Protein backbone atom coordinates (compact mmCIF):
# COMPACT_ATOMS: atom_id res chain seq x y z
CA ASP A 1 11.15 -24.62 -6.44
CA TYR A 2 12.57 -21.12 -6.01
CA CYS A 3 13.31 -21.40 -2.28
CA ASN A 4 16.78 -23.49 -2.65
CA ASN A 5 18.84 -21.40 -0.07
CA TYR A 6 18.29 -19.78 2.97
CA PHE A 7 18.10 -16.37 1.64
CA ALA A 8 14.94 -17.23 -0.48
CA VAL A 9 13.28 -19.06 2.66
CA PHE A 10 14.07 -15.92 4.90
CA THR A 11 12.61 -13.69 1.95
CA MET A 12 9.51 -15.93 1.80
CA TRP A 13 8.83 -16.24 5.30
CA PHE A 14 9.46 -12.23 5.58
CA ALA A 15 6.87 -11.24 2.72
CA LEU A 16 4.26 -13.70 4.28
CA ALA A 17 4.70 -12.01 7.80
CA VAL A 18 4.30 -8.49 5.92
CA GLU A 19 1.05 -9.61 4.24
CA MET A 20 0.03 -11.20 7.65
CA SER A 21 0.41 -8.18 9.10
CA GLY A 22 -1.93 -6.52 7.06
CA LEU A 23 0.41 -3.50 6.49
CA LEU A 24 -0.21 -3.53 2.73
CA HIS A 25 -4.14 -4.27 3.00
CA SER A 26 -5.43 -0.69 1.60
CA SER A 27 -4.31 -1.81 -1.96
CA TYR A 28 -7.52 -4.40 -1.39
CA LEU A 29 -9.75 -1.29 -0.98
CA ILE A 30 -8.51 -0.01 -4.32
CA GLN A 31 -8.91 -3.45 -6.01
CA MET A 32 -12.43 -3.30 -4.47
CA LEU A 33 -13.21 -0.22 -5.76
CA VAL A 34 -11.82 -0.97 -9.14
CA VAL A 35 -14.01 -3.89 -9.33
CA LYS A 36 -17.03 -1.99 -8.03
CA LEU A 37 -16.65 0.51 -10.98
CA SER A 38 -16.26 -1.86 -13.66
CA GLY A 39 -19.52 -3.91 -13.07
CA GLN A 40 -17.60 -6.95 -12.96
CA GLU A 41 -17.78 -9.63 -9.95
CA VAL A 42 -14.71 -11.02 -8.64
CA LYS A 43 -14.52 -14.99 -9.03
CA SER A 44 -12.66 -16.71 -6.18
CA ARG A 45 -12.26 -20.39 -5.73
CA GLU A 46 -12.09 -19.55 -1.76
CA ALA A 47 -14.89 -20.26 0.89
CA PRO A 48 -16.56 -17.04 1.85
CA ARG A 49 -14.85 -15.36 4.93
CA THR A 50 -16.27 -16.49 8.10
CA ALA A 51 -17.58 -13.36 10.77
CA PHE A 52 -13.95 -13.61 12.67
CA GLN A 53 -12.13 -13.48 9.21
CA SER A 54 -14.18 -10.71 7.81
CA PHE A 55 -13.84 -9.10 11.18
CA PHE A 56 -9.81 -9.52 10.64
CA PHE A 57 -9.53 -8.65 7.23
CA TRP A 58 -11.45 -5.06 7.68
CA PHE A 59 -9.62 -4.50 10.87
CA ARG A 60 -6.45 -5.13 8.86
CA CYS A 61 -7.61 -2.86 6.01
CA LEU A 62 -8.53 0.13 8.22
CA ALA A 63 -5.18 0.24 10.25
CA SER A 64 -3.27 -0.12 6.71
CA LEU A 65 -5.45 2.96 5.73
CA ALA A 66 -4.99 4.84 8.75
CA ILE A 67 -1.00 4.26 8.59
CA LEU A 68 -1.03 5.35 4.97
CA CYS A 69 -2.94 8.60 5.79
CA PHE A 70 -0.60 9.07 8.60
CA CYS A 71 2.75 8.72 6.43
CA PHE A 72 0.84 10.92 4.06
CA ALA A 73 0.41 13.39 6.28
CA VAL A 74 3.79 13.47 7.98
CA THR A 75 5.04 13.80 4.20
CA PHE A 76 2.86 16.53 3.39
CA VAL A 77 3.68 18.62 6.17
CA ALA A 78 7.35 18.14 5.91
CA LEU A 79 6.97 19.27 2.39
CA PHE A 80 5.19 22.52 3.02
CA ASN A 81 7.23 23.13 6.24
CA GLY A 82 10.67 22.73 4.15
CA GLN A 83 12.09 19.98 6.26
CA THR A 84 13.30 17.65 3.17
CA THR A 85 16.28 17.79 0.96
CA MET A 86 14.32 19.72 -1.79
CA TRP A 87 16.30 22.32 -3.75
CA GLU A 88 16.26 25.85 -2.16
CA GLY A 89 14.47 27.40 -5.02
CA VAL A 90 11.75 24.90 -5.61
CA PRO A 91 8.32 25.85 -4.07
CA ALA A 92 6.28 23.34 -1.71
CA SER A 93 3.61 23.05 -4.29
CA VAL A 94 6.11 21.87 -6.94
CA ALA A 95 7.58 19.61 -4.39
CA LEU A 96 4.42 17.88 -3.70
CA VAL A 97 3.75 17.30 -7.34
CA ILE A 98 6.90 15.98 -7.81
CA PHE A 99 6.19 13.53 -4.80
CA LEU A 100 2.80 12.51 -6.10
CA ILE A 101 4.14 12.09 -9.88
CA LEU A 102 7.17 9.82 -8.23
CA MET A 103 4.96 7.62 -5.93
CA THR A 104 2.67 7.24 -8.99
CA ILE A 105 5.20 5.79 -11.14
CA VAL A 106 6.27 3.59 -8.18
CA GLY A 107 3.10 2.42 -7.67
CA MET A 108 2.77 1.38 -11.38
CA LEU A 109 6.27 -0.22 -11.55
CA GLU A 110 5.13 -2.31 -8.31
CA GLY A 111 1.94 -3.48 -10.63
CA MET A 112 4.09 -4.61 -13.69
């Protein structure tokens, strides 16, 4: 219904390619953690994964987590080495706190 022009079709295919790549699969780990902590079970209408599907899923989750950790490491090193555009008088620890607060806000906005 909403893919009634080429830009919408391109956007949909691009989003499906990102999902297929597994780049954002680390969010599934957070979902699983929250479900475990709540004591609930996930109700799914999908059939259980085959061995290959499970391997492929967990591989993408681990690859996504590795990319996420690398990105955080690069960002933290840049913050503490003063290689950012943060104002001169702001200490690295305050810049890190500001970064984490802004990332939390962006994460909450993505979930809305």
